[in-house]
Amino acid sequence: MVRIRLRRVGAKKRPFYRIVVADQRTSRNGAFIEQVGTYDPIPETPVININEQKILDWIKKGAQPSDSVNKILKTTGLMEKVNA
């Protein structure tokens, strides 16, 4: 199964995440199919950069967002577009 999930790339105690499309069986920082966005939780208001078209395309193809990515998508309002 293909998942849309977070991949950690930040330094120690400075997390920074890439939102990637990857096979469910690969490790957290293992191989991925495509990068579709970034997430920086450190600032007062977290910075979220998402390529909405790529995310919508992957969800239409059957990719399942992880729980953490699902929360991010709800925050940005993209889940309403998916459910519509």
PDB file of N, CA and C in Angstrom:
ATOM      1  N   MET A   1       0.842  -1.186   0.000  1.00  0.00           N
ATOM      2  CA  MET A   1       0.000   0.000   0.000  1.00  0.00           C
ATOM      3  C   MET A   1       0.885   1.245   0.000  1.00  0.00           C
ATOM      4  N   VAL A   2       0.457   2.234  -0.726  1.00  0.00           N
ATOM      5  CA  VAL A   2       1.198   3.500  -0.808  1.00  0.00           C
ATOM      6  C   VAL A   2       0.634   4.467   0.221  1.00  0.00           C
ATOM      7  N   ARG A   3       1.522   5.120   0.958  1.00  0.00           N
ATOM      8  CA  ARG A   3       1.126   6.063   2.005  1.00  0.00           C
ATOM      9  C   ARG A   3       1.729   7.434   1.742  1.00  0.00           C
ATOM     10  N   ILE A   4       1.031   8.457   2.197  1.00  0.00           N
ATOM     11  CA  ILE A   4       1.572   9.817   2.220  1.00  0.00           C
ATOM     12  C   ILE A   4       1.959  10.052   3.672  1.00  0.00           C
ATOM     13  N   ARG A   5       3.245  10.254   3.929  1.00  0.00           N
ATOM     14  CA  ARG A   5       3.710  10.343   5.313  1.00  0.00           C
ATOM     15  C   ARG A   5       4.869  11.317   5.452  1.00  0.00           C
ATOM     16  N   LEU A   6       5.304  11.505   6.705  1.00  0.00           N
ATOM     17  CA  LEU A   6       6.386  12.435   7.014  1.00  0.00           C
ATOM     18  C   LEU A   6       7.732  11.716   6.983  1.00  0.00           C
ATOM     19  N   ARG A   7       8.751  12.431   6.504  1.00  0.00           N
ATOM     20  CA  ARG A   7      10.120  11.931   6.494  1.00  0.00           C
ATOM     21  C   ARG A   7      10.977  12.970   7.194  1.00  0.00           C
ATOM     22  N   ARG A   8      11.605  12.600   8.297  1.00  0.00           N
ATOM     23  CA  ARG A   8      12.380  13.559   9.074  1.00  0.00           C
ATOM     24  C   ARG A   8      13.739  13.814   8.435  1.00  0.00           C
ATOM     25  N   VAL A   9      14.090  15.104   8.291  1.00  0.00           N
ATOM     26  CA  VAL A   9      15.386  15.465   7.718  1.00  0.00           C
ATOM     27  C   VAL A   9      16.116  16.502   8.559  1.00  0.00           C
ATOM     28  N   GLY A  10      15.567  16.958   9.662  1.00  0.00           N
ATOM     29  CA  GLY A  10      16.190  18.004  10.464  1.00  0.00           C
ATOM     30  C   GLY A  10      17.322  17.498  11.332  1.00  0.00           C
ATOM     31  N   ALA A  11      18.041  18.436  11.920  1.00  0.00           N
ATOM     32  CA  ALA A  11      19.133  18.108  12.822  1.00  0.00           C
ATOM     33  C   ALA A  11      18.582  17.664  14.177  1.00  0.00           C
ATOM     34  N   LYS A  12      19.484  17.255  15.047  1.00  0.00           N
ATOM     35  CA  LYS A  12      19.075  16.834  16.376  1.00  0.00           C
ATOM     36  C   LYS A  12      18.401  17.993  17.112  1.00  0.00           C
ATOM     37  N   LYS A  13      17.230  17.757  17.667  1.00  0.00           N
ATOM     38  CA  LYS A  13      16.410  18.725  18.394  1.00  0.00           C
ATOM     39  C   LYS A  13      15.927  19.887  17.529  1.00  0.00           C
ATOM     40  N   ARG A  14      16.026  19.765  16.203  1.00  0.00           N
ATOM     41  CA  ARG A  14      15.514  20.753  15.247  1.00  0.00           C
ATOM     42  C   ARG A  14      14.771  19.999  14.137  1.00  0.00           C
ATOM     43  N   PRO A  15      13.607  19.435  14.458  1.00  0.00           N
ATOM     44  CA  PRO A  15      12.927  18.619  13.453  1.00  0.00           C
ATOM     45  C   PRO A  15      12.452  19.435  12.253  1.00  0.00           C
ATOM     46  N   PHE A  16      12.543  18.845  11.094  1.00  0.00           N
ATOM     47  CA  PHE A  16      12.014  19.391   9.853  1.00  0.00           C
ATOM     48  C   PHE A  16      11.581  18.172   9.049  1.00  0.00           C
ATOM     49  N   TYR A  17      10.416  18.237   8.473  1.00  0.00           N
ATOM     50  CA  TYR A  17       9.874  17.062   7.807  1.00  0.00           C
ATOM     51  C   TYR A  17       9.555  17.342   6.346  1.00  0.00           C
ATOM     52  N   ARG A  18       9.741  16.330   5.513  1.00  0.00           N
ATOM     53  CA  ARG A  18       9.271  16.358   4.132  1.00  0.00           C
ATOM     54  C   ARG A  18       8.039  15.469   4.065  1.00  0.00           C
ATOM     55  N   ILE A  19       7.035  15.917   3.356  1.00  0.00           N
ATOM     56  CA  ILE A  19       5.847  15.097   3.142  1.00  0.00           C
ATOM     57  C   ILE A  19       6.098  14.326   1.857  1.00  0.00           C
ATOM     58  N   VAL A  20       6.145  12.994   1.963  1.00  0.00           N
ATOM     59  CA  VAL A  20       6.514  12.161   0.825  1.00  0.00           C
ATOM     60  C   VAL A  20       5.464  11.079   0.591  1.00  0.00           C
ATOM     61  N   VAL A  21       5.470  10.561  -0.626  1.00  0.00           N
ATOM     62  CA  VAL A  21       4.664   9.405  -0.989  1.00  0.00           C
ATOM     63  C   VAL A  21       5.623   8.222  -0.997  1.00  0.00           C
ATOM     64  N   ALA A  22       5.314   7.192  -0.198  1.00  0.00           N
ATOM     65  CA  ALA A  22       6.228   6.055  -0.073  1.00  0.00           C
ATOM     66  C   ALA A  22       5.444   4.773   0.135  1.00  0.00           C
ATOM     67  N   ASP A  23       6.093   3.666  -0.147  1.00  0.00           N
ATOM     68  CA  ASP A  23       5.508   2.362   0.138  1.00  0.00           C
ATOM     69  C   ASP A  23       5.437   2.198   1.657  1.00  0.00           C
ATOM     70  N   GLN A  24       4.399   1.590   2.115  1.00  0.00           N
ATOM     71  CA  GLN A  24       4.173   1.438   3.559  1.00  0.00           C
ATOM     72  C   GLN A  24       5.271   0.605   4.224  1.00  0.00           C
ATOM     73  N   ARG A  25       5.890  -0.297   3.487  1.00  0.00           N
ATOM     74  CA  ARG A  25       6.865  -1.222   4.072  1.00  0.00           C
ATOM     75  C   ARG A  25       8.255  -0.618   4.224  1.00  0.00           C
ATOM     76  N   THR A  26       8.538   0.539   3.616  1.00  0.00           N
ATOM     77  CA  THR A  26       9.863   1.134   3.747  1.00  0.00           C
ATOM     78  C   THR A  26      10.000   1.836   5.096  1.00  0.00           C
ATOM     79  N   SER A  27      11.244   2.048   5.527  1.00  0.00           N
ATOM     80  CA  SER A  27      11.477   2.699   6.807  1.00  0.00           C
ATOM     81  C   SER A  27      11.129   4.186   6.735  1.00  0.00           C
ATOM     82  N   ARG A  28      11.096   4.830   7.876  1.00  0.00           N
ATOM     83  CA  ARG A  28      10.683   6.239   7.946  1.00  0.00           C
ATOM     84  C   ARG A  28      11.517   7.119   7.046  1.00  0.00           C
ATOM     85  N   ASN A  29      12.818   6.927   7.051  1.00  0.00           N
ATOM     86  CA  ASN A  29      13.701   7.756   6.236  1.00  0.00           C
ATOM     87  C   ASN A  29      14.254   6.978   5.043  1.00  0.00           C
ATOM     88  N   GLY A  30      13.561   5.933   4.651  1.00  0.00           N
ATOM     89  CA  GLY A  30      14.011   5.117   3.531  1.00  0.00           C
ATOM     90  C   GLY A  30      13.583   5.699   2.193  1.00  0.00           C
ATOM     91  N   ALA A  31      13.545   4.827   1.206  1.00  0.00           N
ATOM     92  CA  ALA A  31      13.218   5.238  -0.158  1.00  0.00           C
ATOM     93  C   ALA A  31      11.784   5.766  -0.231  1.00  0.00           C
ATOM     94  N   PHE A  32      11.588   6.722  -1.132  1.00  0.00           N
ATOM     95  CA  PHE A  32      10.246   7.259  -1.336  1.00  0.00           C
ATOM     96  C   PHE A  32      10.016   7.458  -2.820  1.00  0.00           C
ATOM     97  N   ILE A  33       8.758   7.606  -3.200  1.00  0.00           N
ATOM     98  CA  ILE A  33       8.386   7.731  -4.606  1.00  0.00           C
ATOM     99  C   ILE A  33       8.481   9.185  -5.053  1.00  0.00           C
ATOM    100  N   GLU A  34       7.887  10.089  -4.266  1.00  0.00           N
ATOM    101  CA  GLU A  34       7.853  11.496  -4.652  1.00  0.00           C
ATOM    102  C   GLU A  34       7.681  12.373  -3.423  1.00  0.00           C
ATOM    103  N   GLN A  35       8.314  13.552  -3.438  1.00  0.00           N
ATOM    104  CA  GLN A  35       8.132  14.538  -2.374  1.00  0.00           C
ATOM    105  C   GLN A  35       7.004  15.476  -2.785  1.00  0.00           C
ATOM    106  N   VAL A  36       6.030  15.677  -1.885  1.00  0.00           N
ATOM    107  CA  VAL A  36       4.874  16.512  -2.220  1.00  0.00           C
ATOM    108  C   VAL A  36       4.731  17.728  -1.312  1.00  0.00           C
ATOM    109  N   GLY A  37       5.649  17.920  -0.361  1.00  0.00           N
ATOM    110  CA  GLY A  37       5.561  19.095   0.498  1.00  0.00           C
ATOM    111  C   GLY A  37       6.564  19.055   1.632  1.00  0.00           C
ATOM    112  N   THR A  38       6.518  20.110   2.484  1.00  0.00           N
ATOM    113  CA  THR A  38       7.380  20.187   3.655  1.00  0.00           C
ATOM    114  C   THR A  38       6.563  20.665   4.850  1.00  0.00           C
ATOM    115  N   TYR A  39       7.088  20.381   6.049  1.00  0.00           N
ATOM    116  CA  TYR A  39       6.435  20.778   7.295  1.00  0.00           C
ATOM    117  C   TYR A  39       7.512  21.138   8.307  1.00  0.00           C
ATOM    118  N   ASP A  40       7.454  22.380   8.826  1.00  0.00           N
ATOM    119  CA  ASP A  40       8.407  22.854   9.828  1.00  0.00           C
ATOM    120  C   ASP A  40       7.641  23.181  11.106  1.00  0.00           C
ATOM    121  N   PRO A  41       7.717  22.320  12.140  1.00  0.00           N
ATOM    122  CA  PRO A  41       6.931  22.536  13.358  1.00  0.00           C
ATOM    123  C   PRO A  41       7.548  23.496  14.361  1.00  0.00           C
ATOM    124  N   ILE A  42       8.767  23.969  14.145  1.00  0.00           N
ATOM    125  CA  ILE A  42       9.483  24.769  15.141  1.00  0.00           C
ATOM    126  C   ILE A  42       8.941  26.187  15.327  1.00  0.00           C
ATOM    127  N   PRO A  43       8.627  26.954  14.277  1.00  0.00           N
ATOM    128  CA  PRO A  43       8.169  28.338  14.501  1.00  0.00           C
ATOM    129  C   PRO A  43       6.870  28.404  15.317  1.00  0.00           C
ATOM    130  N   GLU A  44       6.552  29.600  15.797  1.00  0.00           N
ATOM    131  CA  GLU A  44       5.331  29.806  16.596  1.00  0.00           C
ATOM    132  C   GLU A  44       4.102  29.287  15.847  1.00  0.00           C
ATOM    133  N   THR A  45       3.988  29.634  14.571  1.00  0.00           N
ATOM    134  CA  THR A  45       2.954  29.032  13.725  1.00  0.00           C
ATOM    135  C   THR A  45       3.673  28.134  12.725  1.00  0.00           C
ATOM    136  N   PRO A  46       3.453  26.830  12.803  1.00  0.00           N
ATOM    137  CA  PRO A  46       4.177  25.903  11.931  1.00  0.00           C
ATOM    138  C   PRO A  46       4.040  26.269  10.452  1.00  0.00           C
ATOM    139  N   VAL A  47       5.123  26.080   9.702  1.00  0.00           N
ATOM    140  CA  VAL A  47       5.161  26.403   8.278  1.00  0.00           C
ATOM    141  C   VAL A  47       4.859  25.128   7.490  1.00  0.00           C
ATOM    142  N   ILE A  48       3.817  25.194   6.656  1.00  0.00           N
ATOM    143  CA  ILE A  48       3.408  24.047   5.857  1.00  0.00           C
ATOM    144  C   ILE A  48       3.409  24.461   4.387  1.00  0.00           C
ATOM    145  N   ASN A  49       4.195  23.767   3.575  1.00  0.00           N
ATOM    146  CA  ASN A  49       4.222  23.982   2.129  1.00  0.00           C
ATOM    147  C   ASN A  49       3.792  22.684   1.469  1.00  0.00           C
ATOM    148  N   ILE A  50       2.678  22.741   0.719  1.00  0.00           N
ATOM    149  CA  ILE A  50       2.134  21.534   0.101  1.00  0.00           C
ATOM    150  C   ILE A  50       1.843  21.807  -1.365  1.00  0.00           C
ATOM    151  N   ASN A  51       2.184  20.842  -2.208  1.00  0.00           N
ATOM    152  CA  ASN A  51       1.776  20.883  -3.599  1.00  0.00           C
ATOM    153  C   ASN A  51       0.412  20.189  -3.667  1.00  0.00           C
ATOM    154  N   GLU A  52      -0.652  20.984  -3.642  1.00  0.00           N
ATOM    155  CA  GLU A  52      -2.005  20.439  -3.525  1.00  0.00           C
ATOM    156  C   GLU A  52      -2.357  19.520  -4.689  1.00  0.00           C
ATOM    157  N   GLN A  53      -1.944  19.877  -5.891  1.00  0.00           N
ATOM    158  CA  GLN A  53      -2.302  19.077  -7.054  1.00  0.00           C
ATOM    159  C   GLN A  53      -1.695  17.673  -6.970  1.00  0.00           C
ATOM    160  N   LYS A  54      -0.427  17.589  -6.535  1.00  0.00           N
ATOM    161  CA  LYS A  54       0.215  16.276  -6.410  1.00  0.00           C
ATOM    162  C   LYS A  54      -0.467  15.432  -5.340  1.00  0.00           C
ATOM    163  N   ILE A  55      -0.826  16.068  -4.215  1.00  0.00           N
ATOM    164  CA  ILE A  55      -1.498  15.322  -3.138  1.00  0.00           C
ATOM    165  C   ILE A  55      -2.843  14.798  -3.620  1.00  0.00           C
ATOM    166  N   LEU A  56      -3.620  15.640  -4.282  1.00  0.00           N
ATOM    167  CA  LEU A  56      -4.921  15.204  -4.782  1.00  0.00           C
ATOM    168  C   LEU A  56      -4.774  14.078  -5.799  1.00  0.00           C
ATOM    169  N   ASP A  57      -3.774  14.169  -6.670  1.00  0.00           N
ATOM    170  CA  ASP A  57      -3.542  13.111  -7.648  1.00  0.00           C
ATOM    171  C   ASP A  57      -3.213  11.784  -6.968  1.00  0.00           C
ATOM    172  N   TRP A  58      -2.339  11.812  -5.954  1.00  0.00           N
ATOM    173  CA  TRP A  58      -1.962  10.582  -5.276  1.00  0.00           C
ATOM    174  C   TRP A  58      -3.130   9.991  -4.494  1.00  0.00           C
ATOM    175  N   ILE A  59      -3.955  10.821  -3.882  1.00  0.00           N
ATOM    176  CA  ILE A  59      -5.107  10.305  -3.147  1.00  0.00           C
ATOM    177  C   ILE A  59      -6.107   9.671  -4.111  1.00  0.00           C
ATOM    178  N   LYS A  60      -6.274  10.282  -5.300  1.00  0.00           N
ATOM    179  CA  LYS A  60      -7.151   9.684  -6.314  1.00  0.00           C
ATOM    180  C   LYS A  60      -6.615   8.341  -6.791  1.00  0.00           C
ATOM    181  N   LYS A  61      -5.286   8.179  -6.788  1.00  0.00           N
ATOM    182  CA  LYS A  61      -4.672   6.915  -7.194  1.00  0.00           C
ATOM    183  C   LYS A  61      -4.755   5.854  -6.101  1.00  0.00           C
ATOM    184  N   GLY A  62      -5.167   6.253  -4.889  1.00  0.00           N
ATOM    185  CA  GLY A  62      -5.342   5.284  -3.812  1.00  0.00           C
ATOM    186  C   GLY A  62      -4.375   5.402  -2.664  1.00  0.00           C
ATOM    187  N   ALA A  63      -3.514   6.412  -2.638  1.00  0.00           N
ATOM    188  CA  ALA A  63      -2.574   6.590  -1.531  1.00  0.00           C
ATOM    189  C   ALA A  63      -3.329   7.016  -0.277  1.00  0.00           C
ATOM    190  N   GLN A  64      -2.943   6.457   0.854  1.00  0.00           N
ATOM    191  CA  GLN A  64      -3.581   6.757   2.135  1.00  0.00           C
ATOM    192  C   GLN A  64      -2.684   7.686   2.946  1.00  0.00           C
ATOM    193  N   PRO A  65      -3.197   8.843   3.418  1.00  0.00           N
ATOM    194  CA  PRO A  65      -2.370   9.694   4.287  1.00  0.00           C
ATOM    195  C   PRO A  65      -2.234   9.074   5.680  1.00  0.00           C
ATOM    196  N   SER A  66      -1.057   9.226   6.288  1.00  0.00           N
ATOM    197  CA  SER A  66      -0.851   8.763   7.659  1.00  0.00           C
ATOM    198  C   SER A  66      -1.636   9.670   8.602  1.00  0.00           C
ATOM    199  N   ASP A  67      -1.697   9.307   9.871  1.00  0.00           N
ATOM    200  CA  ASP A  67      -2.451  10.104  10.843  1.00  0.00           C
ATOM    201  C   ASP A  67      -1.901  11.521  10.963  1.00  0.00           C
ATOM    202  N   SER A  68      -0.572  11.653  11.021  1.00  0.00           N
ATOM    203  CA  SER A  68       0.025  12.989  11.160  1.00  0.00           C
ATOM    204  C   SER A  68      -0.191  13.830   9.906  1.00  0.00           C
ATOM    205  N   VAL A  69      -0.080  13.232   8.734  1.00  0.00           N
ATOM    206  CA  VAL A  69      -0.313  13.975   7.494  1.00  0.00           C
ATOM    207  C   VAL A  69      -1.788  14.328   7.373  1.00  0.00           C
ATOM    208  N   ASN A  70      -2.660  13.445   7.840  1.00  0.00           N
ATOM    209  CA  ASN A  70      -4.096  13.721   7.818  1.00  0.00           C
ATOM    210  C   ASN A  70      -4.415  14.975   8.633  1.00  0.00           C
ATOM    211  N   LYS A  71      -3.783  15.131   9.801  1.00  0.00           N
ATOM    212  CA  LYS A  71      -3.985  16.331  10.625  1.00  0.00           C
ATOM    213  C   LYS A  71      -3.481  17.578   9.905  1.00  0.00           C
ATOM    214  N   ILE A  72      -2.336  17.463   9.227  1.00  0.00           N
ATOM    215  CA  ILE A  72      -1.785  18.598   8.488  1.00  0.00           C
ATOM    216  C   ILE A  72      -2.723  18.988   7.350  1.00  0.00           C
ATOM    217  N   LEU A  73      -3.251  17.999   6.642  1.00  0.00           N
ATOM    218  CA  LEU A  73      -4.162  18.282   5.533  1.00  0.00           C
ATOM    219  C   LEU A  73      -5.460  18.916   6.020  1.00  0.00           C
ATOM    220  N   LYS A  74      -5.941  18.509   7.193  1.00  0.00           N
ATOM    221  CA  LYS A  74      -7.136  19.134   7.766  1.00  0.00           C
ATOM    222  C   LYS A  74      -6.850  20.582   8.147  1.00  0.00           C
ATOM    223  N   THR A  75      -5.642  20.853   8.668  1.00  0.00           N
ATOM    224  CA  THR A  75      -5.255  22.211   9.045  1.00  0.00           C
ATOM    225  C   THR A  75      -5.235  23.133   7.833  1.00  0.00           C
ATOM    226  N   THR A  76      -4.742  22.632   6.702  1.00  0.00           N
ATOM    227  CA  THR A  76      -4.654  23.448   5.498  1.00  0.00           C
ATOM    228  C   THR A  76      -5.962  23.512   4.733  1.00  0.00           C
ATOM    229  N   GLY A  77      -6.935  22.683   5.103  1.00  0.00           N
ATOM    230  CA  GLY A  77      -8.236  22.691   4.420  1.00  0.00           C
ATOM    231  C   GLY A  77      -8.267  21.830   3.174  1.00  0.00           C
ATOM    232  N   LEU A  78      -7.258  21.020   2.966  1.00  0.00           N
ATOM    233  CA  LEU A  78      -7.200  20.183   1.767  1.00  0.00           C
ATOM    234  C   LEU A  78      -8.101  18.957   1.875  1.00  0.00           C
ATOM    235  N   MET A  79      -8.405  18.506   3.073  1.00  0.00           N
ATOM    236  CA  MET A  79      -9.255  17.318   3.233  1.00  0.00           C
ATOM    237  C   MET A  79     -10.685  17.593   2.766  1.00  0.00           C
ATOM    238  N   GLU A  80     -11.155  18.855   2.865  1.00  0.00           N
ATOM    239  CA  GLU A  80     -12.489  19.165   2.365  1.00  0.00           C
ATOM    240  C   GLU A  80     -12.538  18.983   0.846  1.00  0.00           C
ATOM    241  N   LYS A  81     -11.430  19.343   0.157  1.00  0.00           N
ATOM    242  CA  LYS A  81     -11.379  19.163  -1.297  1.00  0.00           C
ATOM    243  C   LYS A  81     -11.360  17.670  -1.654  1.00  0.00           C
ATOM    244  N   VAL A  82     -10.695  16.881  -0.841  1.00  0.00           N
ATOM    245  CA  VAL A  82     -10.610  15.434  -1.096  1.00  0.00           C
ATOM    246  C   VAL A  82     -11.980  14.804  -0.904  1.00  0.00           C
ATOM    247  N   ASN A  83     -12.683  15.194   0.143  1.00  0.00           N
ATOM    248  CA  ASN A  83     -13.990  14.599   0.448  1.00  0.00           C
ATOM    249  C   ASN A  83     -15.105  15.106  -0.464  1.00  0.00           C
ATOM    250  N   ALA A  84     -14.879  16.230  -1.147  1.00  0.00           N
ATOM    251  CA  ALA A  84     -15.921  16.795  -2.014  1.00  0.00           C
ATOM    252  C   ALA A  84     -16.027  16.080  -3.334  1.00  0.00           C
TER     253      ALA A  84
END
